[in-house]
Amino acid sequence: MKKKMYFAKSIAIAATIASMSLLPGCSSGQDSAPQQMAETTTNEPAISGFCDQAWGADLAAVKSVVITSSMQENTDYTLGEEQGYYILGLNSSEVGGHTAAASYMFQDEKLVMGGYQLEMDDNAFSDLLQKYTAKYGEPAAHEEDTGWGPCAVWVDSNKNYICISSFMDSIVYVSSGCSITDNLADTLSEYQGINLKSLLNQAGNSKGV
């Protein structure tokens, strides 16, 4: 219960997820396992959006793709606002072979963040860590023994990032400059021993992911 309450405070989408992808090839919220390297013009994988929708995608355009004619509101998906974000939630999704709920978050009707919430035991975390590492390379930060469960963060050269957190039972994808970063940075620093702001400041250096 504590995890869900802190997820609501730090990520601002738990209310939608509780009532109910970010990878190439997904549709209707279903995410093929991230096992192939992303195609980019450099050697660094890009974190360019959520579930085939690029950062900055229009709310109306995303809804037209994600919500199909057979889906029913409040049964298959939810729409609402939470702490200044407009949220499109999918009650049934999948990430890397794991059942999850998925959410798209918008500011000013532009996609700025996405997330999955799922039951994240040690086995699930290890499996997802392996699959995300296969796609995005070694994480910029990875903490296992913090007392609050393992956590890993990937950052690209544009300061977009992914965080897998057992503590929050979630995977979040965040675009560069998204205001949620301040809250998430506080959470990761306090509970996971990860300095997110430092990782973002280092983004683009030769040491990056």
N, C-alpha and C. Protein backbone atom coordinates (compact mmCIF):
# COMPACT_ATOMS: atom_id res chain seq x y z
N MET A 1 0.84 -1.21 0.00
CA MET A 1 0.00 0.00 0.00
C MET A 1 0.87 1.25 0.00
N LYS A 2 1.95 1.21 0.77
CA LYS A 2 2.84 2.36 0.82
C LYS A 2 3.44 2.65 -0.54
N LYS A 3 3.76 1.57 -1.28
CA LYS A 3 4.31 1.77 -2.61
C LYS A 3 3.33 2.53 -3.49
N LYS A 4 2.06 2.11 -3.47
CA LYS A 4 1.07 2.73 -4.34
C LYS A 4 0.86 4.19 -3.96
N MET A 5 0.86 4.50 -2.65
CA MET A 5 0.68 5.88 -2.21
C MET A 5 1.85 6.74 -2.65
N TYR A 6 3.06 6.23 -2.57
CA TYR A 6 4.20 7.05 -2.97
C TYR A 6 4.27 7.18 -4.47
N PHE A 7 3.82 6.14 -5.18
CA PHE A 7 3.76 6.25 -6.63
C PHE A 7 2.85 7.39 -7.05
N ALA A 8 1.72 7.52 -6.36
CA ALA A 8 0.78 8.60 -6.67
C ALA A 8 1.43 9.96 -6.46
N LYS A 9 2.19 10.10 -5.39
CA LYS A 9 2.81 11.39 -5.08
C LYS A 9 3.93 11.71 -6.05
N SER A 10 4.73 10.73 -6.41
CA SER A 10 5.94 10.99 -7.19
C SER A 10 5.71 10.95 -8.68
N ILE A 11 4.83 10.11 -9.15
CA ILE A 11 4.64 9.92 -10.58
C ILE A 11 3.35 10.57 -11.07
N ALA A 12 2.40 10.79 -10.18
CA ALA A 12 1.16 11.53 -10.48
C ALA A 12 0.22 10.80 -11.41
N ILE A 13 0.38 9.47 -11.55
CA ILE A 13 -0.54 8.74 -12.41
C ILE A 13 -1.13 7.52 -11.72
N ALA A 14 -0.81 7.30 -10.46
CA ALA A 14 -1.27 6.08 -9.79
C ALA A 14 -2.79 6.02 -9.68
N ALA A 15 -3.45 7.15 -9.55
CA ALA A 15 -4.90 7.13 -9.42
C ALA A 15 -5.56 6.52 -10.64
N THR A 16 -5.03 6.86 -11.82
CA THR A 16 -5.56 6.28 -13.04
C THR A 16 -5.21 4.80 -13.15
N ILE A 17 -3.95 4.46 -12.85
CA ILE A 17 -3.51 3.08 -12.98
C ILE A 17 -4.26 2.19 -12.01
N ALA A 18 -4.46 2.65 -10.79
CA ALA A 18 -5.11 1.82 -9.78
C ALA A 18 -6.56 1.52 -10.15
N SER A 19 -7.22 2.42 -10.88
CA SER A 19 -8.59 2.19 -11.28
C SER A 19 -8.66 1.34 -12.55
N MET A 20 -7.72 1.26 -13.18
CA MET A 20 -7.82 0.43 -14.35
C MET A 20 -7.71 -1.05 -14.04
N SER A 21 2.85 0.58 -26.64
CA SER A 21 3.62 0.81 -25.40
C SER A 21 4.80 1.60 -25.79
N LEU A 22 5.86 1.52 -24.54
CA LEU A 22 6.77 2.61 -24.93
C LEU A 22 7.87 2.11 -25.83
N LEU A 23 7.50 1.15 -26.55
CA LEU A 23 8.55 0.50 -27.32
C LEU A 23 8.08 0.27 -28.74
N PRO A 24 9.00 0.24 -29.70
CA PRO A 24 8.61 0.05 -31.08
C PRO A 24 7.82 -1.23 -31.25
N GLY A 25 6.75 -1.16 -32.05
CA GLY A 25 6.00 -2.34 -32.40
C GLY A 25 4.80 -2.61 -31.51
N CYS A 26 4.53 -1.82 -30.49
CA CYS A 26 3.40 -2.11 -29.63
C CYS A 26 2.15 -1.48 -30.20
N SER A 27 0.99 -2.02 -29.82
CA SER A 27 -0.29 -1.47 -30.24
C SER A 27 -1.30 -1.74 -29.16
N SER A 28 -2.25 -0.82 -29.00
CA SER A 28 -3.28 -0.92 -27.97
C SER A 28 -2.68 -1.22 -26.61
N GLY A 29 -1.51 -0.65 -26.36
CA GLY A 29 -0.91 -0.78 -25.05
C GLY A 29 -0.12 -2.05 -24.85
N GLN A 30 -0.03 -2.94 -25.83
CA GLN A 30 0.73 -4.16 -25.68
C GLN A 30 2.13 -3.94 -26.18
N ASP A 31 3.09 -4.36 -25.34
CA ASP A 31 4.48 -4.06 -25.60
C ASP A 31 5.25 -5.33 -25.89
N SER A 32 5.79 -5.43 -27.09
CA SER A 32 6.67 -6.54 -27.36
C SER A 32 7.91 -6.40 -26.51
N ALA A 33 8.49 -7.51 -26.10
CA ALA A 33 9.65 -7.47 -25.20
C ALA A 33 10.77 -6.66 -25.84
N PRO A 34 11.36 -5.74 -25.09
CA PRO A 34 12.41 -4.87 -25.65
C PRO A 34 13.71 -5.63 -25.79
N GLN A 35 13.85 -6.43 -26.84
CA GLN A 35 15.01 -7.29 -26.97
C GLN A 35 15.91 -6.89 -28.13
N GLN A 36 15.45 -5.99 -28.99
CA GLN A 36 16.26 -5.58 -30.13
C GLN A 36 16.75 -4.16 -29.92
N MET A 37 17.98 -3.88 -30.37
CA MET A 37 18.51 -2.54 -30.24
C MET A 37 17.73 -1.57 -31.10
N ALA A 38 17.46 -0.40 -30.57
CA ALA A 38 16.75 0.62 -31.33
C ALA A 38 17.61 1.11 -32.48
N GLU A 39 16.98 1.43 -33.60
CA GLU A 39 17.71 1.96 -34.73
C GLU A 39 17.90 3.45 -34.54
N THR A 40 19.14 3.89 -34.51
CA THR A 40 19.45 5.31 -34.37
C THR A 40 20.57 5.65 -35.32
N THR A 41 20.84 6.93 -35.46
CA THR A 41 21.92 7.36 -36.34
C THR A 41 23.26 7.34 -35.62
N THR A 42 23.24 7.04 -34.30
CA THR A 42 24.48 6.91 -33.54
C THR A 42 24.49 5.55 -32.88
N ASN A 43 25.53 5.28 -32.10
CA ASN A 43 25.62 4.03 -31.38
C ASN A 43 24.79 4.02 -30.10
N GLU A 44 24.21 5.13 -29.77
CA GLU A 44 23.45 5.25 -28.53
C GLU A 44 21.95 5.09 -28.79
N PRO A 45 21.31 4.10 -28.14
CA PRO A 45 19.86 3.95 -28.31
C PRO A 45 19.12 5.18 -27.81
N ALA A 46 18.12 5.60 -28.54
CA ALA A 46 17.33 6.77 -28.16
C ALA A 46 16.07 6.35 -27.42
N ILE A 47 15.66 7.16 -26.46
CA ILE A 47 14.40 6.97 -25.75
C ILE A 47 13.46 8.03 -26.31
N SER A 48 12.86 7.74 -27.43
CA SER A 48 12.24 8.77 -28.25
C SER A 48 10.73 8.92 -28.06
N GLY A 49 10.14 8.12 -27.19
CA GLY A 49 8.71 8.23 -27.00
C GLY A 49 8.16 7.07 -26.22
N PHE A 50 6.86 6.90 -26.29
CA PHE A 50 6.16 5.86 -25.52
C PHE A 50 5.21 5.11 -26.44
N CYS A 51 5.38 3.82 -26.53
CA CYS A 51 4.48 2.93 -27.28
C CYS A 51 4.24 3.42 -28.71
N ASP A 52 5.35 3.62 -29.42
CA ASP A 52 5.31 4.06 -30.81
C ASP A 52 4.80 5.49 -30.98
N GLN A 53 4.60 6.21 -29.90
CA GLN A 53 4.16 7.60 -29.97
C GLN A 53 5.32 8.49 -29.53
N ALA A 54 5.73 9.39 -30.40
CA ALA A 54 6.90 10.23 -30.12
C ALA A 54 6.58 11.27 -29.05
N TRP A 55 7.60 11.67 -28.32
CA TRP A 55 7.42 12.78 -27.38
C TRP A 55 6.88 14.00 -28.13
N GLY A 56 5.91 14.65 -27.55
CA GLY A 56 5.29 15.80 -28.19
C GLY A 56 4.11 15.45 -29.07
N ALA A 57 3.79 14.15 -29.18
CA ALA A 57 2.64 13.74 -29.99
C ALA A 57 1.36 14.35 -29.43
N ASP A 58 0.43 14.74 -30.30
CA ASP A 58 -0.82 15.36 -29.89
C ASP A 58 -1.72 14.36 -29.16
N LEU A 59 -2.40 14.84 -28.14
CA LEU A 59 -3.34 14.01 -27.40
C LEU A 59 -4.37 13.36 -28.32
N ALA A 60 -4.97 14.15 -29.21
CA ALA A 60 -6.01 13.62 -30.09
C ALA A 60 -5.46 12.51 -30.99
N ALA A 61 -4.24 12.70 -31.48
CA ALA A 61 -3.65 11.69 -32.37
C ALA A 61 -3.37 10.40 -31.61
N VAL A 62 -2.87 10.52 -30.40
CA VAL A 62 -2.57 9.32 -29.59
C VAL A 62 -3.87 8.58 -29.26
N LYS A 63 -4.90 9.32 -28.87
CA LYS A 63 -6.18 8.69 -28.55
C LYS A 63 -6.74 7.94 -29.75
N SER A 64 -6.57 8.50 -30.93
CA SER A 64 -7.13 7.86 -32.12
C SER A 64 -6.43 6.54 -32.44
N VAL A 65 -5.19 6.41 -32.00
CA VAL A 65 -4.43 5.18 -32.22
C VAL A 65 -4.66 4.17 -31.10
N VAL A 66 -4.63 4.65 -29.87
CA VAL A 66 -4.66 3.77 -28.70
C VAL A 66 -6.06 3.25 -28.39
N ILE A 67 -7.06 4.11 -28.53
CA ILE A 67 -8.44 3.71 -28.20
C ILE A 67 -9.12 3.19 -29.46
N THR A 68 -9.44 1.91 -29.45
CA THR A 68 -10.10 1.30 -30.61
C THR A 68 -11.62 1.32 -30.43
N SER A 69 -12.32 1.03 -31.51
CA SER A 69 -13.79 1.09 -31.48
C SER A 69 -14.40 0.04 -30.55
N SER A 70 -13.67 -1.02 -30.27
CA SER A 70 -14.20 -2.08 -29.41
C SER A 70 -13.97 -1.82 -27.92
N MET A 71 -13.23 -0.77 -27.59
CA MET A 71 -12.90 -0.49 -26.20
C MET A 71 -13.95 0.38 -25.54
N GLN A 72 -14.20 0.14 -24.25
CA GLN A 72 -15.18 0.90 -23.49
C GLN A 72 -14.49 1.70 -22.39
N GLU A 73 -14.86 2.99 -22.28
CA GLU A 73 -14.28 3.83 -21.25
C GLU A 73 -14.64 3.31 -19.86
N ASN A 74 -13.70 3.39 -18.95
CA ASN A 74 -13.81 2.93 -17.57
C ASN A 74 -13.83 1.41 -17.43
N THR A 75 -13.82 0.72 -18.55
CA THR A 75 -13.67 -0.73 -18.54
C THR A 75 -12.33 -1.12 -19.13
N ASP A 76 -12.07 -0.62 -20.33
CA ASP A 76 -10.80 -0.92 -21.00
C ASP A 76 -9.79 0.21 -20.88
N TYR A 77 -10.28 1.42 -20.73
CA TYR A 77 -9.38 2.56 -20.61
C TYR A 77 -10.01 3.64 -19.74
N THR A 78 -9.18 4.57 -19.27
CA THR A 78 -9.65 5.68 -18.46
C THR A 78 -9.07 6.98 -19.00
N LEU A 79 -9.79 8.07 -18.78
CA LEU A 79 -9.34 9.41 -19.15
C LEU A 79 -9.55 10.32 -17.95
N GLY A 80 -8.56 11.17 -17.66
CA GLY A 80 -8.73 12.06 -16.54
C GLY A 80 -7.54 12.98 -16.35
N GLU A 81 -7.63 13.81 -15.33
CA GLU A 81 -6.55 14.74 -15.02
C GLU A 81 -6.05 14.50 -13.61
N GLU A 82 -4.75 14.65 -13.42
CA GLU A 82 -4.12 14.44 -12.12
C GLU A 82 -2.91 15.35 -12.02
N GLN A 83 -2.93 16.27 -11.06
CA GLN A 83 -1.80 17.14 -10.78
C GLN A 83 -1.26 17.85 -12.03
N GLY A 84 -2.18 18.35 -12.84
CA GLY A 84 -1.79 19.12 -14.01
C GLY A 84 -1.51 18.32 -15.26
N TYR A 85 -1.65 17.01 -15.18
CA TYR A 85 -1.45 16.16 -16.35
C TYR A 85 -2.79 15.60 -16.82
N TYR A 86 -2.93 15.46 -18.13
CA TYR A 86 -4.05 14.71 -18.69
C TYR A 86 -3.55 13.30 -18.92
N ILE A 87 -4.31 12.31 -18.45
CA ILE A 87 -3.82 10.93 -18.43
C ILE A 87 -4.77 10.01 -19.18
N LEU A 88 -4.21 9.25 -20.10
CA LEU A 88 -4.91 8.17 -20.79
C LEU A 88 -4.37 6.87 -20.25
N GLY A 89 -5.20 6.10 -19.57
CA GLY A 89 -4.78 4.85 -18.97
C GLY A 89 -5.38 3.65 -19.67
N LEU A 90 -4.59 2.62 -19.85
CA LEU A 90 -5.05 1.35 -20.40
C LEU A 90 -5.04 0.31 -19.29
N ASN A 91 -6.19 -0.32 -19.06
CA ASN A 91 -6.31 -1.24 -17.95
C ASN A 91 -5.55 -2.54 -18.17
N SER A 92 -5.38 -2.94 -19.41
CA SER A 92 -4.73 -4.20 -19.72
C SER A 92 -3.65 -3.98 -20.76
N SER A 93 -2.41 -4.21 -20.37
CA SER A 93 -1.29 -4.02 -21.27
C SER A 93 -0.25 -5.09 -20.96
N GLU A 94 0.90 -4.96 -21.58
CA GLU A 94 1.96 -5.93 -21.40
C GLU A 94 3.30 -5.27 -21.65
N VAL A 95 4.30 -5.61 -20.88
CA VAL A 95 5.65 -5.10 -21.11
C VAL A 95 6.64 -6.23 -20.89
N GLY A 96 7.39 -6.57 -21.90
CA GLY A 96 8.40 -7.60 -21.80
C GLY A 96 7.86 -8.94 -21.35
N GLY A 97 6.62 -9.25 -21.71
CA GLY A 97 6.01 -10.52 -21.32
C GLY A 97 5.33 -10.49 -19.97
N HIS A 98 5.25 -9.32 -19.33
CA HIS A 98 4.63 -9.17 -18.02
C HIS A 98 3.34 -8.37 -18.13
N THR A 99 2.29 -8.84 -17.51
CA THR A 99 1.02 -8.12 -17.50
C THR A 99 1.17 -6.82 -16.71
N ALA A 100 0.61 -5.75 -17.27
CA ALA A 100 0.76 -4.44 -16.64
C ALA A 100 -0.41 -3.55 -17.01
N ALA A 101 -0.58 -2.45 -16.28
CA ALA A 101 -1.42 -1.34 -16.70
C ALA A 101 -0.51 -0.27 -17.28
N ALA A 102 -1.00 0.47 -18.27
CA ALA A 102 -0.17 1.48 -18.93
C ALA A 102 -0.86 2.83 -18.91
N SER A 103 -0.06 3.89 -18.83
CA SER A 103 -0.60 5.24 -18.86
C SER A 103 0.24 6.14 -19.76
N TYR A 104 -0.45 7.00 -20.51
CA TYR A 104 0.17 8.06 -21.29
C TYR A 104 -0.13 9.37 -20.58
N MET A 105 0.87 10.23 -20.40
CA MET A 105 0.67 11.50 -19.71
C MET A 105 0.97 12.67 -20.64
N PHE A 106 0.10 13.67 -20.60
CA PHE A 106 0.20 14.82 -21.50
C PHE A 106 0.22 16.12 -20.69
N GLN A 107 0.99 17.07 -21.16
CA GLN A 107 0.93 18.46 -20.71
C GLN A 107 0.68 19.33 -21.93
N ASP A 108 -0.29 20.24 -21.82
CA ASP A 108 -0.66 21.09 -22.96
C ASP A 108 -0.96 20.23 -24.18
N GLU A 109 -1.60 19.07 -23.93
CA GLU A 109 -2.03 18.14 -24.98
C GLU A 109 -0.87 17.55 -25.76
N LYS A 110 0.33 17.52 -25.16
CA LYS A 110 1.51 16.92 -25.79
C LYS A 110 2.03 15.80 -24.89
N LEU A 111 2.40 14.68 -25.50
CA LEU A 111 2.89 13.54 -24.74
C LEU A 111 4.25 13.85 -24.12
N VAL A 112 4.34 13.72 -22.78
CA VAL A 112 5.59 14.02 -22.09
C VAL A 112 6.09 12.85 -21.25
N MET A 113 5.23 11.85 -21.02
CA MET A 113 5.62 10.76 -20.14
C MET A 113 4.71 9.57 -20.35
N GLY A 114 5.21 8.39 -20.03
CA GLY A 114 4.40 7.18 -20.05
C GLY A 114 4.85 6.25 -18.96
N GLY A 115 4.01 5.31 -18.59
CA GLY A 115 4.40 4.40 -17.52
C GLY A 115 3.63 3.11 -17.51
N TYR A 116 4.26 2.09 -16.94
CA TYR A 116 3.62 0.81 -16.66
C TYR A 116 3.61 0.61 -15.15
N GLN A 117 2.54 0.03 -14.64
CA GLN A 117 2.56 -0.45 -13.27
C GLN A 117 2.25 -1.94 -13.27
N LEU A 118 3.05 -2.68 -12.51
CA LEU A 118 2.94 -4.14 -12.48
C LEU A 118 3.48 -4.66 -11.17
N GLU A 119 3.18 -5.92 -10.88
CA GLU A 119 3.75 -6.55 -9.70
C GLU A 119 5.22 -6.83 -9.99
N MET A 120 6.11 -6.18 -9.25
CA MET A 120 7.54 -6.21 -9.56
C MET A 120 8.30 -6.92 -8.43
N ASP A 121 8.30 -8.25 -8.46
CA ASP A 121 9.15 -8.97 -7.52
C ASP A 121 10.57 -9.04 -8.09
N ASP A 122 11.48 -9.68 -7.36
CA ASP A 122 12.88 -9.71 -7.78
C ASP A 122 13.05 -10.41 -9.12
N ASN A 123 12.27 -11.47 -9.36
CA ASN A 123 12.38 -12.19 -10.63
C ASN A 123 11.92 -11.33 -11.80
N ALA A 124 10.82 -10.61 -11.60
CA ALA A 124 10.32 -9.73 -12.66
C ALA A 124 11.32 -8.62 -12.94
N PHE A 125 11.89 -8.03 -11.88
CA PHE A 125 12.88 -6.97 -12.08
C PHE A 125 14.08 -7.50 -12.86
N SER A 126 14.60 -8.66 -12.47
CA SER A 126 15.78 -9.21 -13.14
C SER A 126 15.51 -9.48 -14.61
N ASP A 127 14.31 -10.00 -14.90
CA ASP A 127 13.95 -10.29 -16.28
C ASP A 127 13.85 -9.00 -17.10
N LEU A 128 13.20 -7.99 -16.56
CA LEU A 128 13.06 -6.72 -17.27
C LEU A 128 14.40 -6.01 -17.40
N LEU A 129 15.22 -6.08 -16.37
CA LEU A 129 16.56 -5.47 -16.44
C LEU A 129 17.35 -6.07 -17.59
N GLN A 130 17.30 -7.38 -17.73
CA GLN A 130 18.02 -8.05 -18.82
C GLN A 130 17.49 -7.60 -20.18
N LYS A 131 16.18 -7.51 -20.33
CA LYS A 131 15.59 -7.16 -21.61
C LYS A 131 15.83 -5.70 -21.96
N TYR A 132 15.72 -4.82 -20.99
CA TYR A 132 15.97 -3.41 -21.27
C TYR A 132 17.45 -3.14 -21.54
N THR A 133 18.31 -3.88 -20.86
CA THR A 133 19.75 -3.74 -21.13
C THR A 133 20.08 -4.21 -22.53
N ALA A 134 19.41 -5.26 -23.00
CA ALA A 134 19.63 -5.73 -24.36
C ALA A 134 19.23 -4.68 -25.38
N LYS A 135 18.21 -3.88 -25.05
CA LYS A 135 17.74 -2.85 -25.99
C LYS A 135 18.50 -1.54 -25.85
N TYR A 136 18.70 -1.08 -24.60
CA TYR A 136 19.23 0.27 -24.38
C TYR A 136 20.67 0.30 -23.89
N GLY A 137 21.29 -0.85 -23.72
CA GLY A 137 22.65 -0.89 -23.20
C GLY A 137 22.66 -0.89 -21.68
N GLU A 138 23.85 -0.85 -21.10
CA GLU A 138 23.96 -0.86 -19.65
C GLU A 138 23.30 0.40 -19.06
N PRO A 139 22.58 0.24 -17.94
CA PRO A 139 21.94 1.42 -17.35
C PRO A 139 22.96 2.43 -16.84
N ALA A 140 22.55 3.69 -16.82
CA ALA A 140 23.39 4.74 -16.27
C ALA A 140 23.56 4.58 -14.77
N ALA A 141 22.56 3.97 -14.11
CA ALA A 141 22.62 3.68 -12.69
C ALA A 141 21.83 2.42 -12.42
N HIS A 142 22.35 1.61 -11.50
CA HIS A 142 21.67 0.36 -11.14
C HIS A 142 22.00 0.06 -9.68
N GLU A 143 20.97 0.06 -8.85
CA GLU A 143 21.14 -0.24 -7.43
C GLU A 143 20.29 -1.45 -7.08
N GLU A 144 20.90 -2.43 -6.40
CA GLU A 144 20.19 -3.65 -6.03
C GLU A 144 19.79 -3.66 -4.56
N ASP A 145 20.73 -3.41 -3.68
CA ASP A 145 20.50 -3.61 -2.25
C ASP A 145 20.34 -2.28 -1.53
N THR A 146 19.15 -1.68 -1.65
CA THR A 146 18.90 -0.39 -1.01
C THR A 146 17.96 -0.52 0.17
N GLY A 147 17.41 -1.69 0.40
CA GLY A 147 16.39 -1.88 1.42
C GLY A 147 14.99 -1.61 0.90
N TRP A 148 14.88 -1.03 -0.29
CA TRP A 148 13.59 -0.72 -0.90
C TRP A 148 13.44 -1.39 -2.25
N GLY A 149 14.27 -2.38 -2.52
CA GLY A 149 14.18 -3.09 -3.78
C GLY A 149 15.09 -2.49 -4.84
N PRO A 150 15.35 -3.23 -5.90
CA PRO A 150 16.27 -2.77 -6.94
C PRO A 150 15.67 -1.70 -7.83
N CYS A 151 16.57 -0.96 -8.50
CA CYS A 151 16.15 0.13 -9.38
C CYS A 151 17.22 0.31 -10.45
N ALA A 152 16.82 0.66 -11.67
CA ALA A 152 17.76 0.95 -12.74
C ALA A 152 17.25 2.12 -13.56
N VAL A 153 18.18 2.92 -14.08
CA VAL A 153 17.84 4.11 -14.87
C VAL A 153 18.69 4.14 -16.13
N TRP A 154 18.05 4.41 -17.26
CA TRP A 154 18.73 4.62 -18.54
C TRP A 154 18.49 6.07 -18.96
N VAL A 155 19.50 6.74 -19.49
CA VAL A 155 19.39 8.13 -19.94
C VAL A 155 19.99 8.23 -21.34
N ASP A 156 19.31 8.90 -22.26
CA ASP A 156 19.91 9.10 -23.57
C ASP A 156 20.54 10.49 -23.67
N SER A 157 21.15 10.79 -24.79
CA SER A 157 21.91 12.03 -24.93
C SER A 157 21.01 13.26 -24.93
N ASN A 158 19.71 13.09 -25.15
CA ASN A 158 18.77 14.20 -25.11
C ASN A 158 18.11 14.38 -23.74
N LYS A 159 18.56 13.58 -22.77
CA LYS A 159 18.07 13.64 -21.39
C LYS A 159 16.66 13.10 -21.22
N ASN A 160 16.22 12.27 -22.16
CA ASN A 160 15.05 11.45 -21.94
C ASN A 160 15.52 10.24 -21.11
N TYR A 161 14.64 9.67 -20.32
CA TYR A 161 15.11 8.56 -19.49
C TYR A 161 14.00 7.55 -19.18
N ILE A 162 14.47 6.37 -18.76
CA ILE A 162 13.61 5.28 -18.31
C ILE A 162 14.05 4.88 -16.92
N CYS A 163 13.09 4.63 -16.04
CA CYS A 163 13.38 4.14 -14.70
C CYS A 163 12.55 2.91 -14.42
N ILE A 164 13.20 1.81 -14.04
CA ILE A 164 12.51 0.61 -13.56
C ILE A 164 12.73 0.54 -12.06
N SER A 165 11.65 0.56 -11.30
CA SER A 165 11.75 0.61 -9.84
C SER A 165 10.87 -0.45 -9.20
N SER A 166 11.49 -1.35 -8.45
CA SER A 166 10.73 -2.33 -7.69
C SER A 166 9.95 -1.66 -6.57
N PHE A 167 10.52 -0.63 -5.97
CA PHE A 167 9.86 0.10 -4.89
C PHE A 167 8.52 0.67 -5.34
N MET A 168 8.47 1.21 -6.54
CA MET A 168 7.25 1.82 -7.04
C MET A 168 6.43 0.87 -7.90
N ASP A 169 6.91 -0.39 -8.05
CA ASP A 169 6.21 -1.36 -8.90
C ASP A 169 5.93 -0.77 -10.28
N SER A 170 6.93 -0.11 -10.86
CA SER A 170 6.64 0.63 -12.09
C SER A 170 7.85 0.74 -13.01
N ILE A 171 7.53 1.01 -14.27
CA ILE A 171 8.51 1.43 -15.28
C ILE A 171 8.00 2.75 -15.83
N VAL A 172 8.83 3.79 -15.77
CA VAL A 172 8.40 5.08 -16.29
C VAL A 172 9.35 5.54 -17.39
N TYR A 173 8.80 6.13 -18.41
CA TYR A 173 9.54 6.76 -19.50
C TYR A 173 9.24 8.24 -19.42
N VAL A 174 10.26 9.07 -19.40
CA VAL A 174 10.07 10.50 -19.18
C VAL A 174 10.85 11.29 -20.23
N SER A 175 10.19 12.27 -20.82
CA SER A 175 10.85 13.10 -21.82
C SER A 175 11.67 14.20 -21.16
N SER A 176 12.64 14.69 -21.86
CA SER A 176 13.52 15.74 -21.36
C SER A 176 12.72 16.98 -20.97
N GLY A 177 12.99 17.50 -19.79
CA GLY A 177 12.33 18.72 -19.35
C GLY A 177 10.99 18.53 -18.68
N CYS A 178 10.51 17.30 -18.61
CA CYS A 178 9.20 17.04 -17.97
C CYS A 178 9.28 17.42 -16.49
N SER A 179 8.26 18.11 -16.01
CA SER A 179 8.28 18.65 -14.65
C SER A 179 8.22 17.57 -13.58
N ILE A 180 7.81 16.35 -13.94
CA ILE A 180 7.76 15.27 -12.95
C ILE A 180 9.14 14.88 -12.47
N THR A 181 10.18 15.29 -13.20
CA THR A 181 11.55 14.87 -12.86
C THR A 181 11.95 15.30 -11.46
N ASP A 182 11.54 16.48 -11.00
CA ASP A 182 11.91 16.93 -9.66
C ASP A 182 11.39 15.97 -8.60
N ASN A 183 10.11 15.57 -8.71
CA ASN A 183 9.54 14.64 -7.74
C ASN A 183 10.20 13.28 -7.81
N LEU A 184 10.41 12.80 -9.03
CA LEU A 184 11.01 11.49 -9.19
C LEU A 184 12.45 11.48 -8.69
N ALA A 185 13.17 12.56 -8.92
CA ALA A 185 14.55 12.65 -8.45
C ALA A 185 14.60 12.56 -6.92
N ASP A 186 13.66 13.21 -6.26
CA ASP A 186 13.62 13.14 -4.80
C ASP A 186 13.36 11.72 -4.33
N THR A 187 12.44 11.03 -5.00
CA THR A 187 12.12 9.65 -4.64
C THR A 187 13.32 8.73 -4.81
N LEU A 188 13.98 8.83 -5.95
CA LEU A 188 15.11 7.95 -6.23
C LEU A 188 16.27 8.23 -5.28
N SER A 189 16.48 9.49 -4.95
CA SER A 189 17.56 9.83 -4.03
C SER A 189 17.29 9.28 -2.63
N GLU A 190 16.05 9.44 -2.16
CA GLU A 190 15.72 9.05 -0.79
C GLU A 190 15.63 7.55 -0.61
N TYR A 191 15.05 6.86 -1.59
CA TYR A 191 14.74 5.45 -1.41
C TYR A 191 15.64 4.49 -2.19
N GLN A 192 16.28 4.98 -3.24
CA GLN A 192 17.05 4.07 -4.08
C GLN A 192 18.52 4.44 -4.18
N GLY A 193 18.91 5.56 -3.61
CA GLY A 193 20.31 5.94 -3.65
C GLY A 193 20.82 6.33 -5.02
N ILE A 194 19.92 6.81 -5.88
CA ILE A 194 20.28 7.21 -7.25
C ILE A 194 20.10 8.71 -7.41
N ASN A 195 21.12 9.38 -7.91
CA ASN A 195 21.08 10.82 -8.13
C ASN A 195 20.67 11.07 -9.59
N LEU A 196 19.36 11.17 -9.80
CA LEU A 196 18.83 11.32 -11.16
C LEU A 196 19.31 12.61 -11.81
N LYS A 197 19.31 13.70 -11.07
CA LYS A 197 19.70 14.98 -11.66
C LYS A 197 21.16 14.96 -12.11
N SER A 198 22.00 14.29 -11.36
CA SER A 198 23.39 14.15 -11.77
C SER A 198 23.50 13.34 -13.06
N LEU A 199 22.73 12.28 -13.17
CA LEU A 199 22.74 11.46 -14.39
C LEU A 199 22.29 12.29 -15.59
N LEU A 200 21.27 13.12 -15.40
CA LEU A 200 20.79 13.96 -16.50
C LEU A 200 21.81 15.02 -16.88
N ASN A 201 22.50 15.56 -15.89
CA ASN A 201 23.54 16.57 -16.18
C ASN A 201 24.69 15.96 -16.97
N GLN A 202 24.95 14.67 -16.75
CA GLN A 202 26.03 13.99 -17.45
C GLN A 202 25.64 13.51 -18.84
N ALA A 203 24.34 13.56 -19.13
CA ALA A 203 23.85 13.02 -20.41
C ALA A 203 24.56 13.68 -21.57
N GLY A 204 24.93 12.88 -22.53
CA GLY A 204 25.64 13.40 -23.70
C GLY A 204 27.14 13.27 -23.59
N ASN A 205 27.65 13.02 -22.36
CA ASN A 205 29.06 12.79 -22.20
C ASN A 205 29.44 11.41 -22.75
N SER A 206 30.69 11.19 -22.97
CA SER A 206 31.14 9.92 -23.51
C SER A 206 30.86 8.76 -22.58
N LYS A 207 30.60 9.09 -21.29
CA LYS A 207 30.34 8.06 -20.30
C LYS A 207 28.88 7.64 -20.29
N GLY A 208 28.05 8.29 -21.06
CA GLY A 208 26.61 8.02 -21.03
C GLY A 208 26.27 6.63 -21.51
N VAL A 209 24.96 6.27 -21.37
CA VAL A 209 24.51 4.94 -21.80
C VAL A 209 24.60 4.82 -23.32
